[in-house]
Amino acid sequence: MESKTPWYFWLVAALALLWNAGGALDYVMTQTRNEEYMAQFTQEQLAFFYGLPSWVVACWATAVWGGVLGALLLLLRREVAVQILLVSFAAMALSMFHNFLLSNGLEVMGDPTSLMFSAAIFVISLALYLFARRMTRVGILR
């Protein structure tokens, strides 16, 4: 039996798409080395971004585009959003593991604002996965 879709589902799904679209914009601007966008970063930060290993860039891309796809699938009320958002979360966690534990990302991006934003990315990504999983269990996603 299909459950009635609560209003907050649509709010969360729409906000998820906006949030992940912001991540996609950041990814595209960084990967294309958009001068105007990248001017906000120090030379040390630019060297860090441009020197990421290919596997980290692949994880970053998977996290970003998986988040966008997962949010779109939420809006379409598709159960596969759960798996996509889990892959997105795992890819994001791997890239953060590299950035903050295997390299000098903590030193390069270690100001409190950047660290809080990274923590927000982690928490929101996990929360979206858990939200999608819950929405499947209550019959909203099919």
Protein backbone atom coordinates (compact mmCIF):
# COMPACT_ATOMS: atom_id res chain seq x y z
CA MET A 1 0.00 0.00 0.00
CA GLU A 2 1.36 3.40 -1.00
CA SER A 3 1.58 6.04 1.70
CA LYS A 4 0.44 9.62 1.21
CA THR A 5 3.49 11.75 0.51
CA PRO A 6 3.99 14.25 3.37
CA TRP A 7 4.73 17.89 2.57
CA TYR A 8 8.14 17.71 4.24
CA PHE A 9 9.24 15.03 1.78
CA TRP A 10 8.94 17.50 -1.10
CA LEU A 11 10.73 20.20 0.91
CA VAL A 12 13.65 17.93 1.79
CA ALA A 13 13.91 16.57 -1.77
CA ALA A 14 13.86 20.08 -3.30
CA LEU A 15 16.43 21.36 -0.80
CA ALA A 16 18.56 18.27 -1.49
CA LEU A 17 18.57 19.11 -5.19
CA LEU A 18 19.55 22.74 -4.53
CA TRP A 19 22.30 21.68 -2.09
CA ASN A 20 23.72 19.13 -4.50
CA ALA A 21 23.47 21.54 -7.43
CA GLY A 22 25.72 23.86 -5.41
CA GLY A 23 28.18 21.01 -5.02
CA ALA A 24 28.01 20.33 -8.75
CA LEU A 25 28.72 23.98 -9.51
CA ASP A 26 31.75 23.91 -7.19
CA TYR A 27 32.99 20.72 -8.85
CA VAL A 28 32.61 22.08 -12.39
CA MET A 29 34.19 25.43 -11.55
CA THR A 30 37.13 23.73 -9.84
CA GLN A 31 37.68 21.12 -12.54
CA THR A 32 37.50 23.72 -15.33
CA ARG A 33 39.74 26.02 -13.27
CA ASN A 34 37.35 28.94 -13.69
CA GLU A 35 39.53 31.95 -12.91
CA GLU A 36 36.84 34.11 -11.34
CA TYR A 37 35.59 31.30 -9.10
CA MET A 38 39.04 30.07 -8.12
CA ALA A 39 40.21 33.59 -7.19
CA GLN A 40 38.67 33.06 -3.73
CA PHE A 41 41.35 30.49 -2.87
CA THR A 42 44.99 30.92 -1.85
CA GLN A 43 47.82 29.64 -4.04
CA GLU A 44 48.40 26.83 -1.53
CA GLN A 45 44.72 25.82 -1.73
CA LEU A 46 44.78 25.92 -5.53
CA ALA A 47 47.87 23.68 -5.57
CA PHE A 48 46.05 21.28 -3.25
CA PHE A 49 42.91 21.15 -5.46
CA TYR A 50 44.85 20.84 -8.70
CA GLY A 51 47.15 18.19 -7.25
CA LEU A 52 44.45 15.77 -6.09
CA PRO A 53 45.11 12.18 -7.23
CA SER A 54 42.81 10.88 -9.97
CA TRP A 55 41.06 8.47 -7.60
CA VAL A 56 40.13 11.35 -5.27
CA VAL A 57 38.78 13.40 -8.19
CA ALA A 58 36.78 10.31 -9.25
CA CYS A 59 35.39 9.98 -5.71
CA TRP A 60 34.56 13.68 -5.67
CA ALA A 61 32.77 13.40 -9.03
CA THR A 62 30.86 10.33 -7.85
CA ALA A 63 29.84 12.08 -4.64
CA VAL A 64 28.69 15.25 -6.41
CA TRP A 65 26.87 13.76 -9.38
CA GLY A 66 25.52 10.92 -7.25
CA GLY A 67 24.05 13.53 -4.92
CA VAL A 68 22.40 15.34 -7.82
CA LEU A 69 21.03 12.10 -9.26
CA GLY A 70 19.91 10.91 -5.83
CA ALA A 71 18.02 14.15 -5.22
CA LEU A 72 16.35 13.92 -8.63
CA LEU A 73 15.37 10.33 -7.88
CA LEU A 74 13.92 11.46 -4.56
CA LEU A 75 11.77 13.99 -6.40
CA LEU A 76 10.65 11.17 -8.70
CA ARG A 77 9.96 9.03 -5.61
CA ARG A 78 12.21 6.21 -6.84
CA GLU A 79 13.58 3.69 -4.35
CA VAL A 80 16.90 3.49 -6.19
CA ALA A 81 17.65 6.92 -4.66
CA VAL A 82 18.66 5.03 -1.50
CA GLN A 83 21.49 3.14 -3.22
CA ILE A 84 22.62 6.18 -5.23
CA LEU A 85 22.74 8.37 -2.11
CA LEU A 86 24.68 5.65 -0.26
CA VAL A 87 27.27 5.49 -3.06
CA SER A 88 27.44 9.30 -3.05
CA PHE A 89 28.00 9.33 0.72
CA ALA A 90 30.67 6.62 0.54
CA ALA A 91 32.52 8.45 -2.26
CA MET A 92 32.37 11.72 -0.31
CA ALA A 93 33.68 9.97 2.83
CA LEU A 94 36.59 8.48 0.84
CA SER A 95 37.53 11.85 -0.62
CA MET A 96 37.38 13.46 2.84
CA PHE A 97 39.47 10.61 4.25
CA HIS A 98 42.14 11.47 1.70
CA ASN A 99 41.82 15.22 2.06
CA PHE A 100 42.00 15.34 5.85
CA LEU A 101 43.89 12.20 6.88
CA LEU A 102 46.11 11.08 4.00
CA SER A 103 47.22 14.52 2.83
CA ASN A 104 47.68 18.05 4.15
CA GLY A 105 44.10 19.19 3.49
CA LEU A 106 43.54 19.94 7.16
CA GLU A 107 46.54 22.28 7.12
CA VAL A 108 45.61 23.87 3.79
CA MET A 109 41.87 24.22 4.42
CA GLY A 110 42.07 24.19 8.21
CA ASP A 111 40.24 27.42 8.99
CA PRO A 112 37.13 26.93 11.17
CA THR A 113 34.69 27.92 8.40
CA SER A 114 36.08 25.38 5.94
CA LEU A 115 36.10 22.65 8.57
CA MET A 116 32.52 23.39 9.59
CA PHE A 117 31.44 23.36 5.94
CA SER A 118 33.15 20.00 5.41
CA ALA A 119 31.39 18.67 8.51
CA ALA A 120 28.07 19.98 7.14
CA ILE A 121 28.69 18.20 3.83
CA PHE A 122 29.32 14.94 5.71
CA VAL A 123 26.25 15.28 7.94
CA ILE A 124 23.89 16.36 5.14
CA SER A 125 25.07 13.58 2.84
CA LEU A 126 24.51 10.98 5.55
CA ALA A 127 21.16 12.52 6.50
CA LEU A 128 19.92 12.42 2.91
CA TYR A 129 20.81 8.73 2.63
CA LEU A 130 19.05 7.97 5.93
CA PHE A 131 16.05 10.06 4.87
CA ALA A 132 15.73 8.16 1.59
CA ARG A 133 16.04 4.84 3.42
CA ARG A 134 13.31 5.89 5.86
CA MET A 135 11.05 7.08 3.04
CA THR A 136 11.41 3.65 1.42
CA ARG A 137 10.47 1.89 4.65
CA VAL A 138 7.29 3.97 5.03
CA GLY A 139 6.30 3.44 1.40
CA ILE A 140 6.99 6.90 -0.04
CA LEU A 141 9.69 5.73 -2.46
CA ARG A 142 8.77 2.94 -4.82
